[in-house]
Amino acid sequence: MDYRRFKDTIYLRLDPGEEIIEQIEKVAKKENIQLAQINGLGALNDFTTGVFDTVEKKFHPIHFEGVWWAFKYGLCQCYS
């Protein structure tokens, strides 16, 4: 992972096999980021996303395999 900061914008490059959320959290902690909007462009071989049911208080994962080319996150609250 490598990143550069330009004023209020951070550009992050991940190496193949690195976990996206794990690397974003590392940068957020290092840069003391509490709230961010995250956009991404790239390829993913496989990933898991999902939804959290607030009534059941249970996360329902959805796993994707194959190549996915672009992704975009909304607001991300980073916890330290």
N, C-alpha and C. Protein backbone atom coordinates (compact mmCIF):
# COMPACT_ATOMS: atom_id res chain seq x y z
N MET A 1 0.85 -1.17 0.00
CA MET A 1 0.00 0.00 0.00
C MET A 1 0.89 1.23 0.00
N ASP A 2 0.47 2.21 -0.73
CA ASP A 2 1.17 3.49 -0.78
C ASP A 2 0.10 4.56 -0.87
N TYR A 3 0.34 5.70 -0.24
CA TYR A 3 -0.61 6.80 -0.36
C TYR A 3 0.11 8.14 -0.33
N ARG A 4 -0.55 9.12 -0.89
CA ARG A 4 -0.05 10.49 -0.91
C ARG A 4 -1.19 11.42 -0.51
N ARG A 5 -0.85 12.47 0.24
CA ARG A 5 -1.86 13.46 0.64
C ARG A 5 -1.60 14.76 -0.10
N PHE A 6 -2.67 15.32 -0.68
CA PHE A 6 -2.64 16.61 -1.35
C PHE A 6 -3.74 17.46 -0.73
N LYS A 7 -3.38 18.32 0.20
CA LYS A 7 -4.33 19.14 0.97
C LYS A 7 -5.34 18.24 1.67
N ASP A 8 -6.62 18.31 1.30
CA ASP A 8 -7.67 17.51 1.95
C ASP A 8 -7.98 16.21 1.20
N THR A 9 -7.16 15.86 0.23
CA THR A 9 -7.40 14.66 -0.58
C THR A 9 -6.26 13.67 -0.41
N ILE A 10 -6.60 12.41 -0.23
CA ILE A 10 -5.60 11.35 -0.13
C ILE A 10 -5.82 10.37 -1.27
N TYR A 11 -4.73 10.05 -1.98
CA TYR A 11 -4.75 9.05 -3.03
C TYR A 11 -4.06 7.80 -2.49
N LEU A 12 -4.76 6.69 -2.55
CA LEU A 12 -4.30 5.43 -1.98
C LEU A 12 -4.17 4.38 -3.08
N ARG A 13 -3.01 3.71 -3.12
CA ARG A 13 -2.80 2.62 -4.09
C ARG A 13 -2.58 1.34 -3.30
N LEU A 14 -3.38 0.34 -3.61
CA LEU A 14 -3.27 -0.94 -2.93
C LEU A 14 -2.54 -1.95 -3.81
N ASP A 15 -1.82 -2.83 -3.18
CA ASP A 15 -1.16 -3.92 -3.89
C ASP A 15 -2.12 -5.09 -4.00
N PRO A 16 -1.96 -5.95 -5.01
CA PRO A 16 -2.83 -7.12 -5.13
C PRO A 16 -2.81 -7.95 -3.85
N GLY A 17 -4.00 -8.36 -3.43
CA GLY A 17 -4.12 -9.19 -2.24
C GLY A 17 -4.35 -8.43 -0.95
N GLU A 18 -4.15 -7.12 -0.96
CA GLU A 18 -4.37 -6.34 0.26
C GLU A 18 -5.87 -6.13 0.49
N GLU A 19 -6.26 -6.16 1.75
CA GLU A 19 -7.66 -5.94 2.13
C GLU A 19 -7.96 -4.45 2.07
N ILE A 20 -9.02 -4.09 1.37
CA ILE A 20 -9.36 -2.68 1.15
C ILE A 20 -9.64 -1.97 2.47
N ILE A 21 -10.56 -2.49 3.26
CA ILE A 21 -10.97 -1.81 4.50
C ILE A 21 -9.80 -1.72 5.48
N GLU A 22 -9.02 -2.78 5.58
CA GLU A 22 -7.86 -2.79 6.48
C GLU A 22 -6.89 -1.67 6.14
N GLN A 23 -6.61 -1.48 4.86
CA GLN A 23 -5.66 -0.44 4.44
C GLN A 23 -6.24 0.96 4.61
N ILE A 24 -7.53 1.12 4.34
CA ILE A 24 -8.17 2.42 4.55
C ILE A 24 -8.14 2.78 6.02
N GLU A 25 -8.39 1.80 6.90
CA GLU A 25 -8.35 2.06 8.34
C GLU A 25 -6.95 2.46 8.79
N LYS A 26 -5.90 1.84 8.24
CA LYS A 26 -4.52 2.20 8.59
C LYS A 26 -4.24 3.65 8.25
N VAL A 27 -4.64 4.07 7.05
CA VAL A 27 -4.41 5.46 6.64
C VAL A 27 -5.25 6.41 7.50
N ALA A 28 -6.50 6.04 7.77
CA ALA A 28 -7.38 6.89 8.58
C ALA A 28 -6.79 7.10 9.98
N LYS A 29 -6.27 6.06 10.58
CA LYS A 29 -5.66 6.19 11.91
C LYS A 29 -4.40 7.05 11.86
N LYS A 30 -3.56 6.78 10.88
CA LYS A 30 -2.30 7.53 10.75
C LYS A 30 -2.54 9.01 10.49
N GLU A 31 -3.55 9.33 9.67
CA GLU A 31 -3.86 10.71 9.30
C GLU A 31 -4.92 11.35 10.21
N ASN A 32 -5.38 10.61 11.22
CA ASN A 32 -6.40 11.09 12.16
C ASN A 32 -7.68 11.52 11.44
N ILE A 33 -8.16 10.68 10.54
CA ILE A 33 -9.38 10.96 9.78
C ILE A 33 -10.56 10.35 10.53
N GLN A 34 -11.58 11.15 10.80
CA GLN A 34 -12.75 10.69 11.54
C GLN A 34 -13.94 10.41 10.62
N LEU A 35 -14.05 11.14 9.51
CA LEU A 35 -15.16 10.99 8.58
C LEU A 35 -14.63 11.26 7.17
N ALA A 36 -15.03 10.42 6.21
CA ALA A 36 -14.49 10.58 4.86
C ALA A 36 -15.48 10.10 3.82
N GLN A 37 -15.33 10.63 2.62
CA GLN A 37 -16.02 10.07 1.46
C GLN A 37 -14.95 9.34 0.67
N ILE A 38 -15.23 8.08 0.33
CA ILE A 38 -14.23 7.25 -0.33
C ILE A 38 -14.74 6.84 -1.70
N ASN A 39 -13.91 7.07 -2.72
CA ASN A 39 -14.19 6.63 -4.08
C ASN A 39 -13.05 5.73 -4.52
N GLY A 40 -13.36 4.75 -5.33
CA GLY A 40 -12.30 3.86 -5.78
C GLY A 40 -12.49 3.44 -7.22
N LEU A 41 -11.39 3.11 -7.84
CA LEU A 41 -11.41 2.61 -9.20
C LEU A 41 -10.37 1.51 -9.27
N GLY A 42 -10.74 0.36 -9.77
CA GLY A 42 -9.78 -0.72 -9.86
C GLY A 42 -10.46 -2.04 -10.13
N ALA A 43 -9.70 -3.09 -9.96
CA ALA A 43 -10.21 -4.44 -10.20
C ALA A 43 -10.17 -5.23 -8.90
N LEU A 44 -11.19 -6.05 -8.70
CA LEU A 44 -11.27 -6.92 -7.54
C LEU A 44 -11.48 -8.34 -8.03
N ASN A 45 -10.76 -9.29 -7.44
CA ASN A 45 -10.94 -10.69 -7.83
C ASN A 45 -12.10 -11.32 -7.09
N ASP A 46 -12.19 -11.08 -5.80
CA ASP A 46 -13.34 -11.55 -5.03
C ASP A 46 -13.48 -10.66 -3.81
N PHE A 47 -14.71 -10.47 -3.36
CA PHE A 47 -14.94 -9.61 -2.21
C PHE A 47 -16.27 -9.97 -1.57
N THR A 48 -16.41 -9.54 -0.34
CA THR A 48 -17.64 -9.76 0.40
C THR A 48 -18.19 -8.41 0.84
N THR A 49 -19.45 -8.21 0.58
CA THR A 49 -20.15 -7.03 1.03
C THR A 49 -21.43 -7.54 1.70
N GLY A 50 -22.32 -6.69 2.06
CA GLY A 50 -23.56 -7.18 2.65
C GLY A 50 -24.36 -6.07 3.29
N VAL A 51 -25.37 -6.48 4.03
CA VAL A 51 -26.23 -5.53 4.72
C VAL A 51 -26.37 -5.94 6.18
N PHE A 52 -26.59 -4.95 7.03
CA PHE A 52 -26.80 -5.21 8.45
C PHE A 52 -28.27 -5.01 8.75
N ASP A 53 -28.91 -6.06 9.26
CA ASP A 53 -30.32 -6.01 9.64
C ASP A 53 -30.39 -5.45 11.06
N THR A 54 -30.92 -4.24 11.18
CA THR A 54 -30.95 -3.58 12.50
C THR A 54 -31.97 -4.21 13.44
N VAL A 55 -32.97 -4.90 12.90
CA VAL A 55 -33.96 -5.57 13.75
C VAL A 55 -33.34 -6.85 14.33
N GLU A 56 -32.77 -7.67 13.46
CA GLU A 56 -32.14 -8.92 13.91
C GLU A 56 -30.76 -8.68 14.53
N LYS A 57 -30.20 -7.50 14.26
CA LYS A 57 -28.83 -7.17 14.67
C LYS A 57 -27.85 -8.22 14.13
N LYS A 58 -27.99 -8.49 12.83
CA LYS A 58 -27.19 -9.51 12.18
C LYS A 58 -26.72 -9.01 10.81
N PHE A 59 -25.45 -9.28 10.50
CA PHE A 59 -24.87 -8.94 9.20
C PHE A 59 -25.13 -10.08 8.23
N HIS A 60 -25.65 -9.76 7.06
CA HIS A 60 -25.92 -10.75 6.02
C HIS A 60 -24.92 -10.54 4.88
N PRO A 61 -23.85 -11.36 4.84
CA PRO A 61 -22.81 -11.17 3.82
C PRO A 61 -23.24 -11.67 2.45
N ILE A 62 -22.69 -11.03 1.42
CA ILE A 62 -22.88 -11.44 0.03
C ILE A 62 -21.48 -11.52 -0.58
N HIS A 63 -21.09 -12.69 -1.04
CA HIS A 63 -19.74 -12.89 -1.58
C HIS A 63 -19.78 -12.90 -3.11
N PHE A 64 -18.84 -12.19 -3.73
CA PHE A 64 -18.72 -12.13 -5.19
C PHE A 64 -17.36 -12.68 -5.59
N GLU A 65 -17.33 -13.46 -6.66
CA GLU A 65 -16.07 -13.96 -7.21
C GLU A 65 -16.01 -13.61 -8.68
N GLY A 66 -14.82 -13.50 -9.20
CA GLY A 66 -14.61 -13.09 -10.58
C GLY A 66 -13.93 -11.73 -10.56
N VAL A 67 -13.92 -11.06 -11.67
CA VAL A 67 -13.27 -9.75 -11.74
C VAL A 67 -14.31 -8.65 -11.79
N TRP A 68 -14.20 -7.72 -10.88
CA TRP A 68 -15.09 -6.56 -10.81
C TRP A 68 -14.22 -5.33 -10.99
N TRP A 69 -14.63 -4.43 -11.85
CA TRP A 69 -13.73 -3.37 -12.30
C TRP A 69 -13.83 -2.05 -11.59
N ALA A 70 -14.96 -1.68 -11.08
CA ALA A 70 -15.06 -0.36 -10.46
C ALA A 70 -15.92 -0.46 -9.22
N PHE A 71 -15.62 0.37 -8.25
CA PHE A 71 -16.41 0.39 -7.04
C PHE A 71 -16.43 1.80 -6.47
N LYS A 72 -17.43 2.08 -5.66
CA LYS A 72 -17.54 3.40 -5.05
C LYS A 72 -18.17 3.24 -3.68
N TYR A 73 -17.57 3.87 -2.70
CA TYR A 73 -18.11 3.87 -1.35
C TYR A 73 -18.77 5.21 -1.10
N GLY A 74 -19.71 5.24 -0.21
CA GLY A 74 -20.30 6.49 0.23
C GLY A 74 -19.50 7.03 1.40
N LEU A 75 -20.17 7.59 2.36
CA LEU A 75 -19.47 8.10 3.52
C LEU A 75 -18.97 6.94 4.36
N CYS A 76 -17.81 7.10 4.91
CA CYS A 76 -17.21 6.08 5.74
C CYS A 76 -16.79 6.71 7.05
N GLN A 77 -17.33 6.25 8.14
CA GLN A 77 -16.91 6.76 9.45
C GLN A 77 -15.78 5.87 9.93
N CYS A 78 -14.66 6.48 10.23
CA CYS A 78 -13.47 5.73 10.64
C CYS A 78 -13.33 5.79 12.15
N TYR A 79 -13.16 4.65 12.75
CA TYR A 79 -13.01 4.57 14.20
C TYR A 79 -11.58 4.28 14.56
N SER A 80 -11.09 4.92 15.61
CA SER A 80 -9.72 4.65 16.03
C SER A 80 -9.69 3.87 17.32
